[in-house]
Amino acid sequence: MPSVARTLALDPPLHSMADLIEQRRKILRYARSFPTGPERNQHRQIALSLRALFRNREWLEAHVLKGP
């Protein structure tokens, strides 16, 4: 019998598009709190990766809630 954790891991978490956009904004704001350097760049890269995912229709269909 599969464990509950393993069963839940198969279903991707669903988020609203507004939540994902807000998360990206928070990451960018947080990145600005660091001086120029590798740590700041790491957070900016995460925000850029989220932006790239927003343009991927397959990923959006799998991870974003339908509707307004």
PDB file of N, CA and C in Angstrom:
ATOM      1  N   MET A   1       0.849  -1.185   0.000  1.00  0.00           N
ATOM      2  CA  MET A   1       0.000   0.000   0.000  1.00  0.00           C
ATOM      3  C   MET A   1       0.891   1.244   0.000  1.00  0.00           C
ATOM      4  N   PRO A   2       0.671   2.195  -0.952  1.00  0.00           N
ATOM      5  CA  PRO A   2       1.522   3.385  -1.007  1.00  0.00           C
ATOM      6  C   PRO A   2       1.252   4.311   0.175  1.00  0.00           C
ATOM      7  N   SER A   3       2.308   5.007   0.566  1.00  0.00           N
ATOM      8  CA  SER A   3       2.151   5.945   1.681  1.00  0.00           C
ATOM      9  C   SER A   3       1.368   7.171   1.216  1.00  0.00           C
ATOM     10  N   VAL A   4       0.798   7.874   2.169  1.00  0.00           N
ATOM     11  CA  VAL A   4       0.023   9.079   1.856  1.00  0.00           C
ATOM     12  C   VAL A   4       0.928  10.135   1.240  1.00  0.00           C
ATOM     13  N   ALA A   5       2.143  10.284   1.757  1.00  0.00           N
ATOM     14  CA  ALA A   5       3.072  11.286   1.233  1.00  0.00           C
ATOM     15  C   ALA A   5       3.404  11.002  -0.230  1.00  0.00           C
ATOM     16  N   ARG A   6       3.597   9.750  -0.564  1.00  0.00           N
ATOM     17  CA  ARG A   6       3.922   9.402  -1.944  1.00  0.00           C
ATOM     18  C   ARG A   6       2.734   9.696  -2.858  1.00  0.00           C
ATOM     19  N   THR A   7       1.521   9.420  -2.420  1.00  0.00           N
ATOM     20  CA  THR A   7       0.328   9.686  -3.220  1.00  0.00           C
ATOM     21  C   THR A   7       0.161  11.187  -3.441  1.00  0.00           C
ATOM     22  N   LEU A   8       0.361  11.973  -2.406  1.00  0.00           N
ATOM     23  CA  LEU A   8       0.206  13.418  -2.523  1.00  0.00           C
ATOM     24  C   LEU A   8       1.280  14.033  -3.413  1.00  0.00           C
ATOM     25  N   ALA A   9       2.458  13.464  -3.437  1.00  0.00           N
ATOM     26  CA  ALA A   9       3.544  14.008  -4.234  1.00  0.00           C
ATOM     27  C   ALA A   9       3.257  13.900  -5.733  1.00  0.00           C
ATOM     28  N   LEU A  10       2.384  12.997  -6.140  1.00  0.00           N
ATOM     29  CA  LEU A  10       2.081  12.828  -7.551  1.00  0.00           C
ATOM     30  C   LEU A  10       1.223  13.953  -8.104  1.00  0.00           C
ATOM     31  N   ASP A  11       0.425  14.572  -7.267  1.00  0.00           N
ATOM     32  CA  ASP A  11      -0.447  15.663  -7.699  1.00  0.00           C
ATOM     33  C   ASP A  11       0.300  16.981  -7.571  1.00  0.00           C
ATOM     34  N   PRO A  12       0.510  17.694  -8.694  1.00  0.00           N
ATOM     35  CA  PRO A  12       1.220  18.968  -8.588  1.00  0.00           C
ATOM     36  C   PRO A  12       0.368  19.989  -7.839  1.00  0.00           C
ATOM     37  N   PRO A  13       0.998  20.824  -7.036  1.00  0.00           N
ATOM     38  CA  PRO A  13       0.226  21.855  -6.333  1.00  0.00           C
ATOM     39  C   PRO A  13      -0.328  22.870  -7.321  1.00  0.00           C
ATOM     40  N   LEU A  14      -1.536  23.321  -7.077  1.00  0.00           N
ATOM     41  CA  LEU A  14      -2.166  24.310  -7.953  1.00  0.00           C
ATOM     42  C   LEU A  14      -2.171  25.670  -7.268  1.00  0.00           C
ATOM     43  N   HIS A  15      -1.875  26.695  -8.030  1.00  0.00           N
ATOM     44  CA  HIS A  15      -1.829  28.064  -7.518  1.00  0.00           C
ATOM     45  C   HIS A  15      -2.617  28.957  -8.467  1.00  0.00           C
ATOM     46  N   SER A  16      -3.063  30.087  -7.963  1.00  0.00           N
ATOM     47  CA  SER A  16      -3.690  31.053  -8.868  1.00  0.00           C
ATOM     48  C   SER A  16      -2.572  31.846  -9.537  1.00  0.00           C
ATOM     49  N   MET A  17      -2.851  32.351 -10.716  1.00  0.00           N
ATOM     50  CA  MET A  17      -1.858  33.142 -11.445  1.00  0.00           C
ATOM     51  C   MET A  17      -1.481  34.381 -10.635  1.00  0.00           C
ATOM     52  N   ALA A  18      -2.448  34.985  -9.963  1.00  0.00           N
ATOM     53  CA  ALA A  18      -2.176  36.169  -9.150  1.00  0.00           C
ATOM     54  C   ALA A  18      -1.200  35.835  -8.022  1.00  0.00           C
ATOM     55  N   ASP A  19      -1.349  34.669  -7.407  1.00  0.00           N
ATOM     56  CA  ASP A  19      -0.432  34.253  -6.342  1.00  0.00           C
ATOM     57  C   ASP A  19       0.988  34.073  -6.872  1.00  0.00           C
ATOM     58  N   LEU A  20       1.111  33.484  -8.050  1.00  0.00           N
ATOM     59  CA  LEU A  20       2.437  33.270  -8.628  1.00  0.00           C
ATOM     60  C   LEU A  20       3.100  34.588  -9.006  1.00  0.00           C
ATOM     61  N   ILE A  21       2.317  35.517  -9.545  1.00  0.00           N
ATOM     62  CA  ILE A  21       2.863  36.835  -9.893  1.00  0.00           C
ATOM     63  C   ILE A  21       3.311  37.568  -8.637  1.00  0.00           C
ATOM     64  N   GLU A  22       2.498  37.488  -7.592  1.00  0.00           N
ATOM     65  CA  GLU A  22       2.854  38.134  -6.326  1.00  0.00           C
ATOM     66  C   GLU A  22       4.117  37.504  -5.734  1.00  0.00           C
ATOM     67  N   GLN A  23       4.263  36.202  -5.837  1.00  0.00           N
ATOM     68  CA  GLN A  23       5.465  35.523  -5.345  1.00  0.00           C
ATOM     69  C   GLN A  23       6.699  36.008  -6.102  1.00  0.00           C
ATOM     70  N   ARG A  24       6.564  36.171  -7.408  1.00  0.00           N
ATOM     71  CA  ARG A  24       7.682  36.676  -8.212  1.00  0.00           C
ATOM     72  C   ARG A  24       8.056  38.094  -7.782  1.00  0.00           C
ATOM     73  N   ARG A  25       7.057  38.927  -7.532  1.00  0.00           N
ATOM     74  CA  ARG A  25       7.331  40.296  -7.072  1.00  0.00           C
ATOM     75  C   ARG A  25       8.059  40.298  -5.738  1.00  0.00           C
ATOM     76  N   LYS A  26       7.636  39.425  -4.828  1.00  0.00           N
ATOM     77  CA  LYS A  26       8.285  39.340  -3.516  1.00  0.00           C
ATOM     78  C   LYS A  26       9.744  38.908  -3.648  1.00  0.00           C
ATOM     79  N   ILE A  27      10.000  37.965  -4.533  1.00  0.00           N
ATOM     80  CA  ILE A  27      11.373  37.503  -4.737  1.00  0.00           C
ATOM     81  C   ILE A  27      12.235  38.642  -5.270  1.00  0.00           C
ATOM     82  N   LEU A  28      11.703  39.413  -6.220  1.00  0.00           N
ATOM     83  CA  LEU A  28      12.470  40.546  -6.761  1.00  0.00           C
ATOM     84  C   LEU A  28      12.727  41.603  -5.691  1.00  0.00           C
ATOM     85  N   ARG A  29      11.722  41.905  -4.886  1.00  0.00           N
ATOM     86  CA  ARG A  29      11.908  42.885  -3.808  1.00  0.00           C
ATOM     87  C   ARG A  29      12.959  42.395  -2.817  1.00  0.00           C
ATOM     88  N   TYR A  30      12.904  41.107  -2.489  1.00  0.00           N
ATOM     89  CA  TYR A  30      13.869  40.528  -1.563  1.00  0.00           C
ATOM     90  C   TYR A  30      15.272  40.605  -2.149  1.00  0.00           C
ATOM     91  N   ALA A  31      15.404  40.346  -3.446  1.00  0.00           N
ATOM     92  CA  ALA A  31      16.713  40.406  -4.100  1.00  0.00           C
ATOM     93  C   ALA A  31      17.302  41.804  -3.992  1.00  0.00           C
ATOM     94  N   ARG A  32      16.459  42.810  -4.069  1.00  0.00           N
ATOM     95  CA  ARG A  32      16.947  44.197  -3.993  1.00  0.00           C
ATOM     96  C   ARG A  32      17.505  44.545  -2.619  1.00  0.00           C
ATOM     97  N   SER A  33      17.186  43.744  -1.612  1.00  0.00           N
ATOM     98  CA  SER A  33      17.691  44.012  -0.266  1.00  0.00           C
ATOM     99  C   SER A  33      19.154  43.600  -0.107  1.00  0.00           C
ATOM    100  N   PHE A  34      19.701  42.869  -1.064  1.00  0.00           N
ATOM    101  CA  PHE A  34      21.085  42.422  -1.020  1.00  0.00           C
ATOM    102  C   PHE A  34      21.960  43.352  -1.851  1.00  0.00           C
ATOM    103  N   PRO A  35      23.211  43.517  -1.438  1.00  0.00           N
ATOM    104  CA  PRO A  35      24.131  44.286  -2.287  1.00  0.00           C
ATOM    105  C   PRO A  35      24.430  43.492  -3.560  1.00  0.00           C
ATOM    106  N   THR A  36      24.901  44.191  -4.564  1.00  0.00           N
ATOM    107  CA  THR A  36      25.246  43.540  -5.819  1.00  0.00           C
ATOM    108  C   THR A  36      26.209  42.394  -5.543  1.00  0.00           C
ATOM    109  N   GLY A  37      25.876  41.235  -6.116  1.00  0.00           N
ATOM    110  CA  GLY A  37      26.736  40.074  -5.896  1.00  0.00           C
ATOM    111  C   GLY A  37      25.993  38.778  -6.149  1.00  0.00           C
ATOM    112  N   PRO A  38      26.604  37.649  -5.785  1.00  0.00           N
ATOM    113  CA  PRO A  38      26.047  36.344  -6.120  1.00  0.00           C
ATOM    114  C   PRO A  38      24.701  36.053  -5.446  1.00  0.00           C
ATOM    115  N   GLU A  39      24.539  36.477  -4.192  1.00  0.00           N
ATOM    116  CA  GLU A  39      23.278  36.176  -3.505  1.00  0.00           C
ATOM    117  C   GLU A  39      22.110  36.930  -4.154  1.00  0.00           C
ATOM    118  N   ARG A  40      22.346  38.172  -4.485  1.00  0.00           N
ATOM    119  CA  ARG A  40      21.318  38.964  -5.179  1.00  0.00           C
ATOM    120  C   ARG A  40      20.996  38.345  -6.543  1.00  0.00           C
ATOM    121  N   ASN A  41      22.028  37.956  -7.265  1.00  0.00           N
ATOM    122  CA  ASN A  41      21.838  37.355  -8.581  1.00  0.00           C
ATOM    123  C   ASN A  41      21.051  36.051  -8.503  1.00  0.00           C
ATOM    124  N   GLN A  42      21.280  35.274  -7.452  1.00  0.00           N
ATOM    125  CA  GLN A  42      20.565  34.013  -7.287  1.00  0.00           C
ATOM    126  C   GLN A  42      19.060  34.263  -7.173  1.00  0.00           C
ATOM    127  N   HIS A  43      18.660  35.236  -6.385  1.00  0.00           N
ATOM    128  CA  HIS A  43      17.231  35.543  -6.225  1.00  0.00           C
ATOM    129  C   HIS A  43      16.647  36.123  -7.510  1.00  0.00           C
ATOM    130  N   ARG A  44      17.410  36.938  -8.206  1.00  0.00           N
ATOM    131  CA  ARG A  44      16.937  37.479  -9.483  1.00  0.00           C
ATOM    132  C   ARG A  44      16.758  36.359 -10.505  1.00  0.00           C
ATOM    133  N   GLN A  45      17.637  35.359 -10.465  1.00  0.00           N
ATOM    134  CA  GLN A  45      17.522  34.228 -11.384  1.00  0.00           C
ATOM    135  C   GLN A  45      16.258  33.423 -11.106  1.00  0.00           C
ATOM    136  N   ILE A  46      15.903  33.274  -9.844  1.00  0.00           N
ATOM    137  CA  ILE A  46      14.661  32.573  -9.495  1.00  0.00           C
ATOM    138  C   ILE A  46      13.464  33.308 -10.077  1.00  0.00           C
ATOM    139  N   ALA A  47      13.454  34.636  -9.958  1.00  0.00           N
ATOM    140  CA  ALA A  47      12.354  35.432 -10.509  1.00  0.00           C
ATOM    141  C   ALA A  47      12.307  35.308 -12.031  1.00  0.00           C
ATOM    142  N   LEU A  48      13.463  35.285 -12.672  1.00  0.00           N
ATOM    143  CA  LEU A  48      13.495  35.122 -14.127  1.00  0.00           C
ATOM    144  C   LEU A  48      12.981  33.739 -14.535  1.00  0.00           C
ATOM    145  N   SER A  49      13.299  32.740 -13.751  1.00  0.00           N
ATOM    146  CA  SER A  49      12.819  31.387 -14.044  1.00  0.00           C
ATOM    147  C   SER A  49      11.301  31.311 -13.927  1.00  0.00           C
ATOM    148  N   LEU A  50      10.740  31.976 -12.919  1.00  0.00           N
ATOM    149  CA  LEU A  50       9.277  32.016 -12.794  1.00  0.00           C
ATOM    150  C   LEU A  50       8.661  32.698 -14.002  1.00  0.00           C
ATOM    151  N   ARG A  51       9.267  33.776 -14.444  1.00  0.00           N
ATOM    152  CA  ARG A  51       8.756  34.483 -15.619  1.00  0.00           C
ATOM    153  C   ARG A  51       8.772  33.578 -16.852  1.00  0.00           C
ATOM    154  N   ALA A  52       9.816  32.791 -16.999  1.00  0.00           N
ATOM    155  CA  ALA A  52       9.891  31.847 -18.120  1.00  0.00           C
ATOM    156  C   ALA A  52       8.796  30.787 -18.014  1.00  0.00           C
ATOM    157  N   LEU A  53       8.505  30.337 -16.794  1.00  0.00           N
ATOM    158  CA  LEU A  53       7.440  29.352 -16.614  1.00  0.00           C
ATOM    159  C   LEU A  53       6.075  29.934 -16.973  1.00  0.00           C
ATOM    160  N   PHE A  54       5.869  31.219 -16.718  1.00  0.00           N
ATOM    161  CA  PHE A  54       4.595  31.859 -17.062  1.00  0.00           C
ATOM    162  C   PHE A  54       4.337  31.806 -18.564  1.00  0.00           C
ATOM    163  N   ARG A  55       5.390  31.704 -19.349  1.00  0.00           N
ATOM    164  CA  ARG A  55       5.247  31.661 -20.808  1.00  0.00           C
ATOM    165  C   ARG A  55       5.102  30.237 -21.347  1.00  0.00           C
ATOM    166  N   ASN A  56       5.203  29.253 -20.466  1.00  0.00           N
ATOM    167  CA  ASN A  56       5.112  27.849 -20.858  1.00  0.00           C
ATOM    168  C   ASN A  56       3.680  27.358 -20.626  1.00  0.00           C
ATOM    169  N   ARG A  57       2.900  27.205 -21.683  1.00  0.00           N
ATOM    170  CA  ARG A  57       1.482  26.841 -21.562  1.00  0.00           C
ATOM    171  C   ARG A  57       1.280  25.490 -20.888  1.00  0.00           C
ATOM    172  N   GLU A  58       2.126  24.526 -21.189  1.00  0.00           N
ATOM    173  CA  GLU A  58       1.983  23.197 -20.579  1.00  0.00           C
ATOM    174  C   GLU A  58       2.162  23.276 -19.066  1.00  0.00           C
ATOM    175  N   TRP A  59       3.165  24.020 -18.617  1.00  0.00           N
ATOM    176  CA  TRP A  59       3.400  24.156 -17.184  1.00  0.00           C
ATOM    177  C   TRP A  59       2.225  24.887 -16.527  1.00  0.00           C
ATOM    178  N   LEU A  60       1.744  25.940 -17.182  1.00  0.00           N
ATOM    179  CA  LEU A  60       0.619  26.694 -16.623  1.00  0.00           C
ATOM    180  C   LEU A  60      -0.617  25.818 -16.475  1.00  0.00           C
ATOM    181  N   GLU A  61      -0.912  24.992 -17.482  1.00  0.00           N
ATOM    182  CA  GLU A  61      -2.078  24.119 -17.410  1.00  0.00           C
ATOM    183  C   GLU A  61      -1.958  23.116 -16.269  1.00  0.00           C
ATOM    184  N   ALA A  62      -0.750  22.694 -15.960  1.00  0.00           N
ATOM    185  CA  ALA A  62      -0.536  21.702 -14.909  1.00  0.00           C
ATOM    186  C   ALA A  62      -0.486  22.305 -13.509  1.00  0.00           C
ATOM    187  N   HIS A  63      -0.149  23.603 -13.377  1.00  0.00           N
ATOM    188  CA  HIS A  63       0.094  24.171 -12.063  1.00  0.00           C
ATOM    189  C   HIS A  63      -0.778  25.360 -11.666  1.00  0.00           C
ATOM    190  N   VAL A  64      -1.573  25.871 -12.592  1.00  0.00           N
ATOM    191  CA  VAL A  64      -2.382  27.059 -12.289  1.00  0.00           C
ATOM    192  C   VAL A  64      -3.859  26.677 -12.274  1.00  0.00           C
ATOM    193  N   LEU A  65      -4.548  27.201 -11.258  1.00  0.00           N
ATOM    194  CA  LEU A  65      -5.987  26.964 -11.155  1.00  0.00           C
ATOM    195  C   LEU A  65      -6.721  27.590 -12.319  1.00  0.00           C
ATOM    196  N   LYS A  66      -7.752  26.950 -12.770  1.00  0.00           N
ATOM    197  CA  LYS A  66      -8.574  27.489 -13.852  1.00  0.00           C
ATOM    198  C   LYS A  66      -9.554  28.516 -13.284  1.00  0.00           C
ATOM    199  N   GLY A  67      -9.909  29.475 -14.099  1.00  0.00           N
ATOM    200  CA  GLY A  67     -10.893  30.470 -13.682  1.00  0.00           C
ATOM    201  C   GLY A  67     -10.250  31.758 -13.259  1.00  0.00           C
ATOM    202  N   PRO A  68     -11.066  32.734 -12.836  1.00  0.00           N
ATOM    203  CA  PRO A  68     -10.549  34.066 -12.489  1.00  0.00           C
ATOM    204  C   PRO A  68      -9.748  34.082 -11.215  1.00  0.00           C
TER     205      PRO A  68
END
